[in-house]
C-alpha atoms as a PDB file:
ATOM      1  CA  MET A   1     -10.429 127.033 164.869  1.00  0.00           C
ATOM      2  CA  PHE A   2      -7.578 126.043 167.213  1.00  0.00           C
ATOM      3  CA  LYS A   3      -9.419 126.620 170.504  1.00  0.00           C
ATOM      4  CA  GLY A   4      -9.467 123.418 172.538  1.00  0.00           C
ATOM      5  CA  LYS A   5      -7.419 121.471 169.978  1.00  0.00           C
ATOM      6  CA  ASN A   6      -4.350 119.391 170.772  1.00  0.00           C
ATOM      7  CA  ILE A   7      -1.571 119.918 168.271  1.00  0.00           C
ATOM      8  CA  ALA A   8       1.548 117.761 168.251  1.00  0.00           C
ATOM      9  CA  LEU A   9       4.266 119.784 166.548  1.00  0.00           C
ATOM     10  CA  GLY A  10       7.255 117.787 165.372  1.00  0.00           C
ATOM     11  CA  VAL A  11      10.386 119.834 164.846  1.00  0.00           C
ATOM     12  CA  SER A  12      13.330 118.346 162.963  1.00  0.00           C
ATOM     13  CA  GLY A  13      16.830 119.761 162.628  1.00  0.00           C
ATOM     14  CA  GLY A  14      17.111 122.568 160.113  1.00  0.00           C
ATOM     15  CA  ILE A  15      17.761 126.289 160.272  1.00  0.00           C
ATOM     16  CA  ALA A  16      14.035 126.918 159.758  1.00  0.00           C
ATOM     17  CA  VAL A  17      13.402 125.760 163.345  1.00  0.00           C
ATOM     18  CA  TYR A  18      13.333 129.434 164.314  1.00  0.00           C
ATOM     19  CA  LYS A  19      10.111 129.825 162.302  1.00  0.00           C
ATOM     20  CA  SER A  20       8.549 127.009 164.325  1.00  0.00           C
ATOM     21  CA  CYS A  21       8.900 129.162 167.424  1.00  0.00           C
ATOM     22  CA  ASP A  22       6.537 131.715 165.909  1.00  0.00           C
ATOM     23  CA  LEU A  23       4.192 128.934 164.806  1.00  0.00           C
ATOM     24  CA  VAL A  24       3.951 127.560 168.370  1.00  0.00           C
ATOM     25  CA  ARG A  25       3.289 131.014 169.775  1.00  0.00           C
ATOM     26  CA  ARG A  26       0.532 131.737 167.237  1.00  0.00           C
ATOM     27  CA  ILE A  27      -1.195 128.369 167.728  1.00  0.00           C
ATOM     28  CA  ALA A  28      -1.101 128.736 171.515  1.00  0.00           C
ATOM     29  CA  GLU A  29      -2.472 132.296 171.288  1.00  0.00           C
ATOM     30  CA  GLN A  30      -5.488 130.869 169.461  1.00  0.00           C
ATOM     31  CA  GLY A  31      -6.296 128.532 172.348  1.00  0.00           C
ATOM     32  CA  ALA A  32      -4.711 125.243 171.296  1.00  0.00           C
ATOM     33  CA  SER A  33      -2.579 123.045 173.489  1.00  0.00           C
ATOM     34  CA  VAL A  34       0.717 122.602 171.632  1.00  0.00           C
ATOM     35  CA  HIS A  35       2.953 119.647 172.456  1.00  0.00           C
ATOM     36  CA  VAL A  36       6.354 120.004 170.813  1.00  0.00           C
ATOM     37  CA  VAL A  37       8.412 116.941 169.915  1.00  0.00           C
ATOM     38  CA  MET A  38      12.007 117.761 168.965  1.00  0.00           C
ATOM     39  CA  THR A  39      14.612 115.631 167.241  1.00  0.00           C
ATOM     40  CA  LYS A  40      18.221 115.766 168.401  1.00  0.00           C
ATOM     41  CA  GLY A  41      19.039 117.823 165.301  1.00  0.00           C
ATOM     42  CA  ALA A  42      16.368 120.395 166.118  1.00  0.00           C
ATOM     43  CA  GLN A  43      17.892 120.850 169.561  1.00  0.00           C
ATOM     44  CA  GLN A  44      21.102 122.022 167.892  1.00  0.00           C
ATOM     45  CA  PHE A  45      19.249 125.103 166.609  1.00  0.00           C
ATOM     46  CA  VAL A  46      16.762 125.960 169.397  1.00  0.00           C
ATOM     47  CA  THR A  47      16.579 124.655 172.950  1.00  0.00           C
ATOM     48  CA  PRO A  48      13.577 122.761 174.316  1.00  0.00           C
ATOM     49  CA  LEU A  49      13.229 125.510 176.939  1.00  0.00           C
ATOM     50  CA  THR A  50      12.305 128.006 174.202  1.00  0.00           C
ATOM     51  CA  PHE A  51       9.442 125.824 172.985  1.00  0.00           C
ATOM     52  CA  GLN A  52       8.346 125.111 176.550  1.00  0.00           C
ATOM     53  CA  ALA A  53       8.116 128.832 177.286  1.00  0.00           C
ATOM     54  CA  LEU A  54       6.146 129.482 174.092  1.00  0.00           C
ATOM     55  CA  SER A  55       3.774 126.518 174.389  1.00  0.00           C
ATOM     56  CA  GLY A  56       3.337 126.380 178.151  1.00  0.00           C
ATOM     57  CA  ASN A  57       3.819 122.604 177.956  1.00  0.00           C
ATOM     58  CA  PRO A  58       6.776 120.294 178.557  1.00  0.00           C
ATOM     59  CA  VAL A  59       8.775 119.573 175.405  1.00  0.00           C
ATOM     60  CA  HIS A  60       9.312 115.957 174.411  1.00  0.00           C
ATOM     61  CA  THR A  61      12.750 114.938 173.179  1.00  0.00           C
ATOM     62  CA  GLU A  62      13.478 111.319 174.088  1.00  0.00           C
ATOM     63  CA  LEU A  63      11.777 108.106 173.111  1.00  0.00           C
ATOM     64  CA  PHE A  64      13.250 106.331 176.107  1.00  0.00           C
ATOM     65  CA  SER A  65      12.590 108.957 178.766  1.00  0.00           C
ATOM     66  CA  LEU A  66      12.175 107.145 182.078  1.00  0.00           C
ATOM     67  CA  THR A  67       9.508 109.539 183.322  1.00  0.00           C
ATOM     68  CA  GLU A  68       7.422 109.864 180.158  1.00  0.00           C
ATOM     69  CA  GLU A  69       7.802 106.417 178.684  1.00  0.00           C
ATOM     70  CA  GLN A  70       6.935 104.626 181.907  1.00  0.00           C
ATOM     71  CA  GLU A  71       3.393 105.521 180.885  1.00  0.00           C
ATOM     72  CA  MET A  72       4.010 105.099 177.128  1.00  0.00           C
ATOM     73  CA  GLY A  73       4.149 108.856 176.579  1.00  0.00           C
ATOM     74  CA  HIS A  74       4.551 108.619 172.815  1.00  0.00           C
ATOM     75  CA  ILE A  75       1.251 106.753 172.562  1.00  0.00           C
ATOM     76  CA  ALA A  76      -0.517 109.248 174.835  1.00  0.00           C
ATOM     77  CA  LEU A  77       0.786 112.116 172.667  1.00  0.00           C
ATOM     78  CA  ALA A  78      -0.369 110.321 169.533  1.00  0.00           C
ATOM     79  CA  ASP A  79      -3.808 109.515 170.941  1.00  0.00           C
ATOM     80  CA  LYS A  80      -4.669 113.014 172.105  1.00  0.00           C
ATOM     81  CA  ALA A  81      -3.453 114.825 168.985  1.00  0.00           C
ATOM     82  CA  ASP A  82      -6.093 116.372 166.754  1.00  0.00           C
ATOM     83  CA  LEU A  83      -3.329 117.085 164.242  1.00  0.00           C
ATOM     84  CA  VAL A  84       0.348 116.232 163.910  1.00  0.00           C
ATOM     85  CA  MET A  85       2.308 118.996 162.197  1.00  0.00           C
ATOM     86  CA  ILE A  86       5.961 118.570 161.268  1.00  0.00           C
ATOM     87  CA  ALA A  87       7.697 121.868 160.592  1.00  0.00           C
ATOM     88  CA  PRO A  88      10.406 121.986 159.509  1.00  0.00           C
ATOM     89  CA  ALA A  89      10.648 118.535 157.985  1.00  0.00           C
ATOM     90  CA  THR A  90      14.166 117.767 156.801  1.00  0.00           C
ATOM     91  CA  ALA A  91      15.069 115.298 154.049  1.00  0.00           C
ATOM     92  CA  ASP A  92      16.165 112.928 156.824  1.00  0.00           C
ATOM     93  CA  ILE A  93      12.831 112.952 158.635  1.00  0.00           C
ATOM     94  CA  LEU A  94      10.932 112.622 155.325  1.00  0.00           C
ATOM     95  CA  ALA A  95      12.954 109.501 154.497  1.00  0.00           C
ATOM     96  CA  LYS A  96      12.434 107.966 157.926  1.00  0.00           C
ATOM     97  CA  MET A  97       8.686 108.572 157.860  1.00  0.00           C
ATOM     98  CA  ALA A  98       8.331 107.318 154.277  1.00  0.00           C
ATOM     99  CA  HIS A  99       9.985 104.032 155.180  1.00  0.00           C
ATOM    100  CA  GLY A 100       8.495 103.494 158.630  1.00  0.00           C
ATOM    101  CA  ILE A 101      11.755 103.964 160.513  1.00  0.00           C
ATOM    102  CA  CYS A 102      10.894 104.637 164.138  1.00  0.00           C
ATOM    103  CA  ASP A 103      14.215 105.370 165.798  1.00  0.00           C
ATOM    104  CA  ASP A 104      13.292 108.478 167.757  1.00  0.00           C
ATOM    105  CA  LEU A 105      10.274 109.962 169.500  1.00  0.00           C
ATOM    106  CA  LEU A 106       9.027 111.951 166.499  1.00  0.00           C
ATOM    107  CA  THR A 107       9.086 109.079 164.001  1.00  0.00           C
ATOM    108  CA  THR A 108       7.498 106.744 166.542  1.00  0.00           C
ATOM    109  CA  LEU A 109       4.745 109.287 167.227  1.00  0.00           C
ATOM    110  CA  VAL A 110       4.085 109.564 163.491  1.00  0.00           C
ATOM    111  CA  CYS A 111       3.831 105.794 163.157  1.00  0.00           C
ATOM    112  CA  VAL A 112       1.450 105.468 166.127  1.00  0.00           C
ATOM    113  CA  THR A 113      -0.917 108.409 165.582  1.00  0.00           C
ATOM    114  CA  ARG A 114      -4.283 108.152 163.916  1.00  0.00           C
ATOM    115  CA  ALA A 115      -4.518 111.940 163.606  1.00  0.00           C
ATOM    116  CA  PRO A 116      -4.028 113.704 160.274  1.00  0.00           C
ATOM    117  CA  ILE A 117      -0.393 114.537 159.539  1.00  0.00           C
ATOM    118  CA  LEU A 118       0.714 117.765 157.862  1.00  0.00           C
ATOM    119  CA  VAL A 119       4.333 118.010 156.750  1.00  0.00           C
ATOM    120  CA  ALA A 120       6.177 121.222 155.852  1.00  0.00           C
ATOM    121  CA  PRO A 121       9.554 120.381 154.276  1.00  0.00           C
ATOM    122  CA  SER A 122      12.506 122.743 154.480  1.00  0.00           C
ATOM    123  CA  MET A 123      15.962 122.025 153.066  1.00  0.00           C
ATOM    124  CA  ASN A 124      18.551 122.912 150.456  1.00  0.00           C
ATOM    125  CA  VAL A 125      17.091 123.270 146.946  1.00  0.00           C
ATOM    126  CA  HIS A 126      19.158 120.348 145.621  1.00  0.00           C
ATOM    127  CA  MET A 127      18.061 118.129 148.498  1.00  0.00           C
ATOM    128  CA  TRP A 128      14.429 119.013 147.734  1.00  0.00           C
ATOM    129  CA  LYS A 129      14.834 118.281 144.013  1.00  0.00           C
ATOM    130  CA  ASN A 130      16.699 115.015 144.643  1.00  0.00           C
ATOM    131  CA  SER A 131      14.768 112.109 143.145  1.00  0.00           C
ATOM    132  CA  ILE A 132      15.021 110.136 146.393  1.00  0.00           C
ATOM    133  CA  THR A 133      13.450 112.991 148.359  1.00  0.00           C
ATOM    134  CA  GLN A 134      10.694 113.301 145.760  1.00  0.00           C
ATOM    135  CA  GLU A 135      10.038 109.545 145.964  1.00  0.00           C
ATOM    136  CA  ASN A 136       9.808 109.845 149.749  1.00  0.00           C
ATOM    137  CA  VAL A 137       7.315 112.706 149.440  1.00  0.00           C
ATOM    138  CA  ALA A 138       5.220 110.662 146.988  1.00  0.00           C
ATOM    139  CA  GLN A 139       5.309 107.708 149.387  1.00  0.00           C
ATOM    140  CA  LEU A 140       4.110 109.886 152.270  1.00  0.00           C
ATOM    141  CA  GLN A 141       1.295 111.307 150.146  1.00  0.00           C
ATOM    142  CA  LYS A 142       0.301 107.780 149.118  1.00  0.00           C
ATOM    143  CA  HIS A 143      -0.145 107.002 152.814  1.00  0.00           C
ATOM    144  CA  GLY A 144      -2.360 110.029 153.433  1.00  0.00           C
ATOM    145  CA  PHE A 145       0.168 112.582 154.656  1.00  0.00           C
ATOM    146  CA  ARG A 146      -0.458 116.152 153.492  1.00  0.00           C
ATOM    147  CA  VAL A 147       2.905 117.490 152.278  1.00  0.00           C
ATOM    148  CA  LEU A 148       3.237 121.204 151.557  1.00  0.00           C
ATOM    149  CA  GLU A 149       5.525 122.521 148.838  1.00  0.00           C
ATOM    150  CA  PRO A 150       8.434 124.539 150.196  1.00  0.00           C
ATOM    151  CA  ASP A 151       8.620 128.206 149.247  1.00  0.00           C
ATOM    152  CA  SER A 152      11.217 129.535 146.829  1.00  0.00           C
ATOM    153  CA  GLY A 153      13.755 132.190 147.697  1.00  0.00           C
ATOM    154  CA  SER A 154      17.110 132.770 149.267  1.00  0.00           C
ATOM    155  CA  LEU A 155      18.173 129.839 151.457  1.00  0.00           C
ATOM    156  CA  ALA A 156      20.425 129.882 154.524  1.00  0.00           C
ATOM    157  CA  CYS A 157      22.988 127.738 152.676  1.00  0.00           C
ATOM    158  CA  GLY A 158      23.534 130.527 150.139  1.00  0.00           C
ATOM    159  CA  TYR A 159      21.556 128.946 147.311  1.00  0.00           C
ATOM    160  CA  THR A 160      18.366 130.338 145.843  1.00  0.00           C
ATOM    161  CA  GLY A 161      15.427 128.109 144.981  1.00  0.00           C
ATOM    162  CA  LYS A 162      12.667 125.952 146.429  1.00  0.00           C
ATOM    163  CA  GLY A 163      13.359 124.825 149.978  1.00  0.00           C
ATOM    164  CA  ARG A 164      12.179 127.526 152.381  1.00  0.00           C
ATOM    165  CA  LEU A 165       9.672 126.702 155.115  1.00  0.00           C
ATOM    166  CA  PRO A 166       6.396 128.453 154.241  1.00  0.00           C
ATOM    167  CA  GLU A 167       5.510 131.484 156.334  1.00  0.00           C
ATOM    168  CA  THR A 168       3.591 131.004 159.568  1.00  0.00           C
ATOM    169  CA  ALA A 169       0.346 132.375 158.109  1.00  0.00           C
ATOM    170  CA  VAL A 170       0.422 129.737 155.350  1.00  0.00           C
ATOM    171  CA  LEU A 171       1.118 126.943 157.850  1.00  0.00           C
ATOM    172  CA  LEU A 172      -1.755 128.102 160.071  1.00  0.00           C
ATOM    173  CA  GLN A 173      -4.100 128.240 157.091  1.00  0.00           C
ATOM    174  CA  GLU A 174      -3.205 124.677 156.054  1.00  0.00           C
ATOM    175  CA  MET A 175      -3.648 123.446 159.612  1.00  0.00           C
ATOM    176  CA  GLU A 176      -7.102 125.053 159.775  1.00  0.00           C
ATOM    177  CA  LYS A 177      -8.144 123.312 156.545  1.00  0.00           C
ATOM    178  CA  ILE A 178      -7.226 119.923 157.963  1.00  0.00           C
ATOM    179  CA  LEU A 179      -8.852 120.543 161.343  1.00  0.00           C
ATOM    180  CA  LYS A 180     -12.129 121.452 159.611  1.00  0.00           C
ATOM    181  CA  VAL A 181     -12.334 118.042 157.933  1.00  0.00           C
ATOM    182  CA  LYS A 182     -10.403 116.003 160.506  1.00  0.00           C
ATOM    183  CA  LYS A 183     -10.345 112.342 159.638  1.00  0.00           C
ATOM    184  CA  ILE A 184      -8.860 109.703 161.879  1.00  0.00           C
ATOM    185  CA  LYS A 185      -6.733 107.150 160.070  1.00  0.00           C
ATOM    186  CA  PRO A 186      -7.984 103.581 160.421  1.00  0.00           C
ATOM    187  CA  ALA A 187      -6.199 101.472 163.027  1.00  0.00           C
END
């Protein structure tokens, strides 16, 4: 299902970034071209070099990169994507996307793309349950984003509850579902 596909994987800053490494590896093994876009927060957990080694492609980190943005790199990434996947998606990135804030490469890519967008939130249980976060999720869904429910369990912060990034197999399965019925958003 992934062979020949272009996947833009947005990675925002949470401890679950380590799971995204496995996701990139598994997608690439199935023949897709994975283009990772990292927020500054994500780079605090895993380096771009790790994702570059796993994907075989340069990692994108800056909206105002002189080399990439000379050719409007964020638009090229958005145009060639068959699917935009954001995993993990923090409360911060959910809020930015829900309100059209485009202050970094990932949020700008999301605003520009016409590809389907799949979002896998991961955060503290209280952040997930927060009414503002839930309103942001509802807003994203209203605009056609597919938002997965986080898994429940022990969280890195010491709490137990809903907030874990789903396992790689679940993420791959959801991606496959979307790629089977790929719809381009109207311009």
